């Protein structure tokens, strides 16, 4: 039997050990990123605005997320994602 939404236990996805740190970048940080790598927003990989992490941190379409992952070889690996509107 399926549980109703009200009875499902909620948790903070950002505190899960397998979810890396996600930050919404400021306009100044975005400008610096584009200048440093000589790229435009449409050249970034995308993440949907209804992704559980985007919902959790309040990311909106058009914003850029900085994801900081722990790495055994590099210490940390930083990647970027452009938040896009879901097709739903």
PDB file of N, CA and C in Angstrom:
ATOM      1  N   UNK A   1       0.845  -1.175   0.000  1.00  0.00           N
ATOM      2  CA  UNK A   1       0.000   0.000   0.000  1.00  0.00           C
ATOM      3  C   UNK A   1       0.893   1.242   0.000  1.00  0.00           C
ATOM      4  N   UNK A   2       0.577   2.218  -0.830  1.00  0.00           N
ATOM      5  CA  UNK A   2       1.357   3.457  -0.907  1.00  0.00           C
ATOM      6  C   UNK A   2       1.034   4.366   0.266  1.00  0.00           C
ATOM      7  N   UNK A   3       2.061   5.040   0.733  1.00  0.00           N
ATOM      8  CA  UNK A   3       1.875   5.989   1.828  1.00  0.00           C
ATOM      9  C   UNK A   3       1.400   7.318   1.257  1.00  0.00           C
ATOM     10  N   UNK A   4       0.584   8.027   2.021  1.00  0.00           N
ATOM     11  CA  UNK A   4       0.171   9.359   1.589  1.00  0.00           C
ATOM     12  C   UNK A   4       1.331  10.311   1.818  1.00  0.00           C
ATOM     13  N   UNK A   5       1.306  11.453   1.111  1.00  0.00           N
ATOM     14  CA  UNK A   5       2.375  12.438   1.264  1.00  0.00           C
ATOM     15  C   UNK A   5       2.519  12.885   2.707  1.00  0.00           C
ATOM     16  N   UNK A   6       1.406  13.040   3.389  1.00  0.00           N
ATOM     17  CA  UNK A   6       1.425  13.522   4.767  1.00  0.00           C
ATOM     18  C   UNK A   6       2.121  12.538   5.707  1.00  0.00           C
ATOM     19  N   UNK A   7       2.027  11.244   5.409  1.00  0.00           N
ATOM     20  CA  UNK A   7       2.590  10.257   6.317  1.00  0.00           C
ATOM     21  C   UNK A   7       4.037   9.897   5.974  1.00  0.00           C
ATOM     22  N   UNK A   8       4.535  10.365   4.801  1.00  0.00           N
ATOM     23  CA  UNK A   8       5.911  10.075   4.434  1.00  0.00           C
ATOM     24  C   UNK A   8       6.852  10.888   5.306  1.00  0.00           C
ATOM     25  N   UNK A   9       7.928  10.237   5.717  1.00  0.00           N
ATOM     26  CA  UNK A   9       8.904  10.923   6.551  1.00  0.00           C
ATOM     27  C   UNK A   9       9.778  11.808   5.672  1.00  0.00           C
ATOM     28  N   UNK A  10       9.942  13.067   6.053  1.00  0.00           N
ATOM     29  CA  UNK A  10      10.759  14.006   5.289  1.00  0.00           C
ATOM     30  C   UNK A  10      12.128  14.126   5.931  1.00  0.00           C
ATOM     31  N   UNK A  11      13.130  14.358   5.106  1.00  0.00           N
ATOM     32  CA  UNK A  11      14.474  14.568   5.611  1.00  0.00           C
ATOM     33  C   UNK A  11      15.162  15.622   4.765  1.00  0.00           C
ATOM     34  N   UNK A  12      16.230  16.195   5.297  1.00  0.00           N
ATOM     35  CA  UNK A  12      16.980  17.213   4.574  1.00  0.00           C
ATOM     36  C   UNK A  12      17.983  16.514   3.671  1.00  0.00           C
ATOM     37  N   UNK A  13      17.730  16.531   2.362  1.00  0.00           N
ATOM     38  CA  UNK A  13      18.586  15.851   1.397  1.00  0.00           C
ATOM     39  C   UNK A  13      20.006  16.389   1.432  1.00  0.00           C
ATOM     40  N   UNK A  14      20.163  17.652   1.804  1.00  0.00           N
ATOM     41  CA  UNK A  14      21.487  18.270   1.826  1.00  0.00           C
ATOM     42  C   UNK A  14      22.382  17.704   2.932  1.00  0.00           C
ATOM     43  N   UNK A  15      21.791  17.022   3.880  1.00  0.00           N
ATOM     44  CA  UNK A  15      22.577  16.442   4.967  1.00  0.00           C
ATOM     45  C   UNK A  15      22.952  14.987   4.705  1.00  0.00           C
ATOM     46  N   UNK A  16      22.508  14.445   3.571  1.00  0.00           N
ATOM     47  CA  UNK A  16      22.831  13.058   3.248  1.00  0.00           C
ATOM     48  C   UNK A  16      24.312  12.962   2.880  1.00  0.00           C
ATOM     49  N   UNK A  17      24.978  11.922   3.348  1.00  0.00           N
ATOM     50  CA  UNK A  17      26.423  11.784   3.152  1.00  0.00           C
ATOM     51  C   UNK A  17      26.840  11.667   1.687  1.00  0.00           C
ATOM     52  N   UNK A  18      25.955  11.248   0.803  1.00  0.00           N
ATOM     53  CA  UNK A  18      26.307  11.094  -0.606  1.00  0.00           C
ATOM     54  C   UNK A  18      25.995  12.328  -1.457  1.00  0.00           C
ATOM     55  N   UNK A  19      25.371  13.341  -0.858  1.00  0.00           N
ATOM     56  CA  UNK A  19      25.027  14.550  -1.603  1.00  0.00           C
ATOM     57  C   UNK A  19      26.115  15.597  -1.363  1.00  0.00           C
ATOM     58  N   UNK A  20      26.818  16.005  -2.430  1.00  0.00           N
ATOM     59  CA  UNK A  20      27.877  17.001  -2.252  1.00  0.00           C
ATOM     60  C   UNK A  20      27.302  18.385  -1.957  1.00  0.00           C
ATOM     61  N   UNK A  21      28.175  19.285  -1.568  1.00  0.00           N
ATOM     62  CA  UNK A  21      27.768  20.664  -1.272  1.00  0.00           C
ATOM     63  C   UNK A  21      27.319  21.349  -2.566  1.00  0.00           C
ATOM     64  N   UNK A  22      26.188  22.037  -2.503  1.00  0.00           N
ATOM     65  CA  UNK A  22      25.649  22.801  -3.631  1.00  0.00           C
ATOM     66  C   UNK A  22      25.463  24.240  -3.178  1.00  0.00           C
ATOM     67  N   UNK A  23      25.890  25.194  -4.010  1.00  0.00           N
ATOM     68  CA  UNK A  23      25.716  26.617  -3.697  1.00  0.00           C
ATOM     69  C   UNK A  23      25.180  27.338  -4.926  1.00  0.00           C
ATOM     70  N   UNK A  24      24.251  28.260  -4.707  1.00  0.00           N
ATOM     71  CA  UNK A  24      23.776  29.123  -5.791  1.00  0.00           C
ATOM     72  C   UNK A  24      24.802  30.246  -5.930  1.00  0.00           C
ATOM     73  N   UNK A  25      25.291  30.444  -7.147  1.00  0.00           N
ATOM     74  CA  UNK A  25      26.313  31.462  -7.373  1.00  0.00           C
ATOM     75  C   UNK A  25      25.698  32.855  -7.475  1.00  0.00           C
ATOM     76  N   UNK A  26      26.442  33.849  -6.989  1.00  0.00           N
ATOM     77  CA  UNK A  26      26.022  35.244  -7.109  1.00  0.00           C
ATOM     78  C   UNK A  26      26.281  35.722  -8.539  1.00  0.00           C
ATOM     79  N   UNK A  27      25.725  36.869  -8.897  1.00  0.00           N
ATOM     80  CA  UNK A  27      25.949  37.429 -10.232  1.00  0.00           C
ATOM     81  C   UNK A  27      27.435  37.694 -10.458  1.00  0.00           C
ATOM     82  N   UNK A  28      28.122  38.193  -9.446  1.00  0.00           N
ATOM     83  CA  UNK A  28      29.556  38.474  -9.567  1.00  0.00           C
ATOM     84  C   UNK A  28      30.353  37.179  -9.777  1.00  0.00           C
ATOM     85  N   UNK A  29      30.009  36.130  -9.044  1.00  0.00           N
ATOM     86  CA  UNK A  29      30.676  34.831  -9.206  1.00  0.00           C
ATOM     87  C   UNK A  29      30.437  34.270 -10.599  1.00  0.00           C
ATOM     88  N   UNK A  30      29.214  34.450 -11.118  1.00  0.00           N
ATOM     89  CA  UNK A  30      28.894  33.981 -12.468  1.00  0.00           C
ATOM     90  C   UNK A  30      29.743  34.701 -13.511  1.00  0.00           C
ATOM     91  N   UNK A  31      29.848  36.018 -13.392  1.00  0.00           N
ATOM     92  CA  UNK A  31      30.658  36.803 -14.339  1.00  0.00           C
ATOM     93  C   UNK A  31      32.107  36.327 -14.321  1.00  0.00           C
ATOM     94  N   UNK A  32      32.631  36.092 -13.130  1.00  0.00           N
ATOM     95  CA  UNK A  32      34.011  35.636 -12.992  1.00  0.00           C
ATOM     96  C   UNK A  32      34.187  34.249 -13.626  1.00  0.00           C
ATOM     97  N   UNK A  33      33.227  33.349 -13.411  1.00  0.00           N
ATOM     98  CA  UNK A  33      33.268  32.009 -14.001  1.00  0.00           C
ATOM     99  C   UNK A  33      33.301  32.086 -15.527  1.00  0.00           C
ATOM    100  N   UNK A  34      32.401  32.878 -16.107  1.00  0.00           N
ATOM    101  CA  UNK A  34      32.317  33.001 -17.567  1.00  0.00           C
ATOM    102  C   UNK A  34      33.595  33.600 -18.144  1.00  0.00           C
ATOM    103  N   UNK A  35      34.155  34.578 -17.441  1.00  0.00           N
ATOM    104  CA  UNK A  35      35.392  35.210 -17.908  1.00  0.00           C
ATOM    105  C   UNK A  35      36.567  34.241 -17.800  1.00  0.00           C
ATOM    106  N   UNK A  36      36.698  33.568 -16.657  1.00  0.00           N
ATOM    107  CA  UNK A  36      37.822  32.666 -16.416  1.00  0.00           C
ATOM    108  C   UNK A  36      37.874  31.513 -17.417  1.00  0.00           C
ATOM    109  N   UNK A  37      36.713  30.940 -17.739  1.00  0.00           N
ATOM    110  CA  UNK A  37      36.673  29.787 -18.632  1.00  0.00           C
ATOM    111  C   UNK A  37      36.249  30.145 -20.063  1.00  0.00           C
ATOM    112  N   UNK A  38      35.991  31.430 -20.315  1.00  0.00           N
ATOM    113  CA  UNK A  38      35.570  31.903 -21.642  1.00  0.00           C
ATOM    114  C   UNK A  38      34.390  31.076 -22.165  1.00  0.00           C
ATOM    115  N   UNK A  39      33.339  30.997 -21.345  1.00  0.00           N
ATOM    116  CA  UNK A  39      32.144  30.226 -21.696  1.00  0.00           C
ATOM    117  C   UNK A  39      30.898  31.085 -21.517  1.00  0.00           C
ATOM    118  N   UNK A  40      29.782  30.556 -21.994  1.00  0.00           N
ATOM    119  CA  UNK A  40      28.479  31.177 -21.784  1.00  0.00           C
ATOM    120  C   UNK A  40      27.613  30.183 -21.006  1.00  0.00           C
ATOM    121  N   UNK A  41      26.530  30.651 -20.386  1.00  0.00           N
ATOM    122  CA  UNK A  41      25.685  29.751 -19.591  1.00  0.00           C
ATOM    123  C   UNK A  41      25.201  28.518 -20.351  1.00  0.00           C
ATOM    124  N   UNK A  42      24.870  28.670 -21.628  1.00  0.00           N
ATOM    125  CA  UNK A  42      24.341  27.537 -22.394  1.00  0.00           C
ATOM    126  C   UNK A  42      25.387  26.454 -22.658  1.00  0.00           C
ATOM    127  N   UNK A  43      26.650  26.714 -22.344  1.00  0.00           N
ATOM    128  CA  UNK A  43      27.702  25.708 -22.505  1.00  0.00           C
ATOM    129  C   UNK A  43      27.876  24.843 -21.248  1.00  0.00           C
ATOM    130  N   UNK A  44      27.160  25.178 -20.197  1.00  0.00           N
ATOM    131  CA  UNK A  44      27.246  24.408 -18.947  1.00  0.00           C
ATOM    132  C   UNK A  44      26.295  23.219 -18.972  1.00  0.00           C
ATOM    133  N   UNK A  45      26.655  22.149 -18.269  1.00  0.00           N
ATOM    134  CA  UNK A  45      25.685  21.056 -18.087  1.00  0.00           C
ATOM    135  C   UNK A  45      24.466  21.602 -17.340  1.00  0.00           C
ATOM    136  N   UNK A  46      23.344  20.951 -17.499  1.00  0.00           N
ATOM    137  CA  UNK A  46      22.102  21.453 -16.910  1.00  0.00           C
ATOM    138  C   UNK A  46      21.610  20.586 -15.762  1.00  0.00           C
ATOM    139  N   UNK A  47      20.809  21.230 -14.900  1.00  0.00           N
ATOM    140  CA  UNK A  47      20.110  20.546 -13.818  1.00  0.00           C
ATOM    141  C   UNK A  47      18.688  21.109 -13.799  1.00  0.00           C
ATOM    142  N   UNK A  48      17.711  20.265 -13.665  1.00  0.00           N
ATOM    143  CA  UNK A  48      16.307  20.704 -13.681  1.00  0.00           C
ATOM    144  C   UNK A  48      15.939  21.429 -12.383  1.00  0.00           C
ATOM    145  N   UNK A  49      15.071  22.411 -12.504  1.00  0.00           N
ATOM    146  CA  UNK A  49      14.665  23.176 -11.329  1.00  0.00           C
ATOM    147  C   UNK A  49      13.840  22.358 -10.344  1.00  0.00           C
ATOM    148  N   UNK A  50      13.322  21.195 -10.773  1.00  0.00           N
ATOM    149  CA  UNK A  50      12.566  20.351  -9.846  1.00  0.00           C
ATOM    150  C   UNK A  50      13.420  19.205  -9.267  1.00  0.00           C
ATOM    151  N   UNK A  51      14.739  19.253  -9.541  1.00  0.00           N
ATOM    152  CA  UNK A  51      15.659  18.301  -8.908  1.00  0.00           C
ATOM    153  C   UNK A  51      15.559  18.500  -7.392  1.00  0.00           C
ATOM    154  N   UNK A  52      15.551  17.429  -6.611  1.00  0.00           N
ATOM    155  CA  UNK A  52      15.401  17.569  -5.152  1.00  0.00           C
ATOM    156  C   UNK A  52      16.390  18.538  -4.506  1.00  0.00           C
ATOM    157  N   UNK A  53      17.626  18.569  -4.996  1.00  0.00           N
ATOM    158  CA  UNK A  53      18.601  19.509  -4.426  1.00  0.00           C
ATOM    159  C   UNK A  53      18.227  20.941  -4.781  1.00  0.00           C
ATOM    160  N   UNK A  54      17.823  21.199  -6.015  1.00  0.00           N
ATOM    161  CA  UNK A  54      17.412  22.557  -6.417  1.00  0.00           C
ATOM    162  C   UNK A  54      16.231  23.033  -5.588  1.00  0.00           C
ATOM    163  N   UNK A  55      15.277  22.150  -5.378  1.00  0.00           N
ATOM    164  CA  UNK A  55      14.117  22.500  -4.553  1.00  0.00           C
ATOM    165  C   UNK A  55      14.577  22.815  -3.129  1.00  0.00           C
ATOM    166  N   UNK A  56      15.475  21.998  -2.603  1.00  0.00           N
ATOM    167  CA  UNK A  56      15.951  22.168  -1.234  1.00  0.00           C
ATOM    168  C   UNK A  56      16.677  23.496  -1.016  1.00  0.00           C
ATOM    169  N   UNK A  57      17.500  23.917  -1.996  1.00  0.00           N
ATOM    170  CA  UNK A  57      18.260  25.158  -1.816  1.00  0.00           C
ATOM    171  C   UNK A  57      17.562  26.373  -2.421  1.00  0.00           C
ATOM    172  N   UNK A  58      16.420  26.153  -3.069  1.00  0.00           N
ATOM    173  CA  UNK A  58      15.644  27.257  -3.628  1.00  0.00           C
ATOM    174  C   UNK A  58      16.182  27.781  -4.948  1.00  0.00           C
ATOM    175  N   UNK A  59      16.850  26.939  -5.722  1.00  0.00           N
ATOM    176  CA  UNK A  59      17.414  27.362  -7.005  1.00  0.00           C
ATOM    177  C   UNK A  59      16.310  27.551  -8.047  1.00  0.00           C
ATOM    178  N   UNK A  60      16.439  28.627  -8.810  1.00  0.00           N
ATOM    179  CA  UNK A  60      15.461  28.962  -9.846  1.00  0.00           C
ATOM    180  C   UNK A  60      16.093  28.863 -11.225  1.00  0.00           C
ATOM    181  N   UNK A  61      15.263  28.698 -12.229  1.00  0.00           N
ATOM    182  CA  UNK A  61      15.717  28.623 -13.607  1.00  0.00           C
ATOM    183  C   UNK A  61      16.576  29.841 -13.945  1.00  0.00           C
ATOM    184  N   UNK A  62      17.717  29.596 -14.609  1.00  0.00           N
ATOM    185  CA  UNK A  62      18.632  30.672 -14.986  1.00  0.00           C
ATOM    186  C   UNK A  62      19.785  30.851 -14.005  1.00  0.00           C
ATOM    187  N   UNK A  63      19.648  30.325 -12.793  1.00  0.00           N
ATOM    188  CA  UNK A  63      20.739  30.432 -11.826  1.00  0.00           C
ATOM    189  C   UNK A  63      21.775  29.349 -12.105  1.00  0.00           C
ATOM    190  N   UNK A  64      22.966  29.552 -11.552  1.00  0.00           N
ATOM    191  CA  UNK A  64      24.034  28.570 -11.710  1.00  0.00           C
ATOM    192  C   UNK A  64      24.389  28.019 -10.340  1.00  0.00           C
ATOM    193  N   UNK A  65      24.508  26.694 -10.295  1.00  0.00           N
ATOM    194  CA  UNK A  65      24.835  25.987  -9.062  1.00  0.00           C
ATOM    195  C   UNK A  65      26.301  25.571  -9.124  1.00  0.00           C
ATOM    196  N   UNK A  66      27.014  25.828  -8.044  1.00  0.00           N
ATOM    197  CA  UNK A  66      28.395  25.354  -7.887  1.00  0.00           C
ATOM    198  C   UNK A  66      28.325  24.116  -7.000  1.00  0.00           C
ATOM    199  N   UNK A  67      28.848  22.998  -7.498  1.00  0.00           N
ATOM    200  CA  UNK A  67      28.812  21.738  -6.760  1.00  0.00           C
ATOM    201  C   UNK A  67      30.240  21.370  -6.378  1.00  0.00           C
ATOM    202  N   UNK A  68      30.458  21.162  -5.088  1.00  0.00           N
ATOM    203  CA  UNK A  68      31.791  20.865  -4.579  1.00  0.00           C
ATOM    204  C   UNK A  68      31.777  19.440  -4.037  1.00  0.00           C
ATOM    205  N   UNK A  69      32.470  18.559  -4.755  1.00  0.00           N
ATOM    206  CA  UNK A  69      32.516  17.137  -4.375  1.00  0.00           C
ATOM    207  C   UNK A  69      33.861  16.807  -3.748  1.00  0.00           C
ATOM    208  N   UNK A  70      33.857  15.906  -2.784  1.00  0.00           N
ATOM    209  CA  UNK A  70      35.103  15.397  -2.226  1.00  0.00           C
ATOM    210  C   UNK A  70      35.715  14.449  -3.239  1.00  0.00           C
ATOM    211  N   UNK A  71      37.050  14.527  -3.379  1.00  0.00           N
ATOM    212  CA  UNK A  71      37.763  13.685  -4.333  1.00  0.00           C
ATOM    213  C   UNK A  71      38.963  13.048  -3.644  1.00  0.00           C
ATOM    214  N   UNK A  72      39.124  11.755  -3.836  1.00  0.00           N
ATOM    215  CA  UNK A  72      40.264  11.052  -3.235  1.00  0.00           C
ATOM    216  C   UNK A  72      41.580  11.505  -3.844  1.00  0.00           C
ATOM    217  N   UNK A  73      41.569  11.893  -5.101  1.00  0.00           N
ATOM    218  CA  UNK A  73      42.807  12.265  -5.776  1.00  0.00           C
ATOM    219  C   UNK A  73      43.084  13.766  -5.759  1.00  0.00           C
ATOM    220  N   UNK A  74      42.048  14.582  -5.912  1.00  0.00           N
ATOM    221  CA  UNK A  74      42.244  16.027  -6.004  1.00  0.00           C
ATOM    222  C   UNK A  74      41.889  16.779  -4.722  1.00  0.00           C
ATOM    223  N   UNK A  75      41.357  16.082  -3.735  1.00  0.00           N
ATOM    224  CA  UNK A  75      40.901  16.768  -2.520  1.00  0.00           C
ATOM    225  C   UNK A  75      39.458  17.195  -2.673  1.00  0.00           C
ATOM    226  N   UNK A  76      39.211  18.021  -3.696  1.00  0.00           N
ATOM    227  CA  UNK A  76      37.835  18.375  -4.034  1.00  0.00           C
ATOM    228  C   UNK A  76      37.740  18.656  -5.519  1.00  0.00           C
ATOM    229  N   UNK A  77      36.586  18.398  -6.067  1.00  0.00           N
ATOM    230  CA  UNK A  77      36.308  18.650  -7.484  1.00  0.00           C
ATOM    231  C   UNK A  77      35.117  19.591  -7.558  1.00  0.00           C
ATOM    232  N   UNK A  78      35.250  20.647  -8.331  1.00  0.00           N
ATOM    233  CA  UNK A  78      34.184  21.640  -8.464  1.00  0.00           C
ATOM    234  C   UNK A  78      33.594  21.553  -9.860  1.00  0.00           C
ATOM    235  N   UNK A  79      32.275  21.484  -9.922  1.00  0.00           N
ATOM    236  CA  UNK A  79      31.556  21.477 -11.200  1.00  0.00           C
ATOM    237  C   UNK A  79      30.417  22.496 -11.116  1.00  0.00           C
ATOM    238  N   UNK A  80      29.911  22.874 -12.264  1.00  0.00           N
ATOM    239  CA  UNK A  80      28.862  23.890 -12.336  1.00  0.00           C
ATOM    240  C   UNK A  80      27.699  23.356 -13.152  1.00  0.00           C
ATOM    241  N   UNK A  81      26.484  23.776 -12.787  1.00  0.00           N
ATOM    242  CA  UNK A  81      25.271  23.383 -13.500  1.00  0.00           C
ATOM    243  C   UNK A  81      24.369  24.598 -13.686  1.00  0.00           C
ATOM    244  N   UNK A  82      23.798  24.722 -14.869  1.00  0.00           N
ATOM    245  CA  UNK A  82      22.805  25.748 -15.147  1.00  0.00           C
ATOM    246  C   UNK A  82      21.439  25.188 -14.804  1.00  0.00           C
ATOM    247  N   UNK A  83      20.682  25.890 -13.983  1.00  0.00           N
ATOM    248  CA  UNK A  83      19.337  25.443 -13.607  1.00  0.00           C
ATOM    249  C   UNK A  83      18.383  25.796 -14.754  1.00  0.00           C
ATOM    250  N   UNK A  84      17.652  24.786 -15.230  1.00  0.00           N
ATOM    251  CA  UNK A  84      16.704  24.988 -16.314  1.00  0.00           C
ATOM    252  C   UNK A  84      15.314  24.543 -15.871  1.00  0.00           C
ATOM    253  N   UNK A  85      14.326  25.063 -16.562  1.00  0.00           N
ATOM    254  CA  UNK A  85      12.928  24.739 -16.280  1.00  0.00           C
ATOM    255  C   UNK A  85      12.633  23.286 -16.644  1.00  0.00           C
ATOM    256  N   UNK A  86      11.927  22.611 -15.774  1.00  0.00           N
ATOM    257  CA  UNK A  86      11.526  21.234 -16.025  1.00  0.00           C
ATOM    258  C   UNK A  86      10.459  21.215 -17.108  1.00  0.00           C
ATOM    259  N   UNK A  87      10.399  20.138 -17.866  1.00  0.00           N
ATOM    260  CA  UNK A  87       9.386  19.989 -18.916  1.00  0.00           C
ATOM    261  C   UNK A  87       8.052  19.507 -18.393  1.00  0.00           C
ATOM    262  N   UNK A  88       7.951  19.296 -17.092  1.00  0.00           N
ATOM    263  CA  UNK A  88       6.712  18.768 -16.503  1.00  0.00           C
ATOM    264  C   UNK A  88       5.606  19.779 -16.521  1.00  0.00           C
TER     265      UNK A  88
END
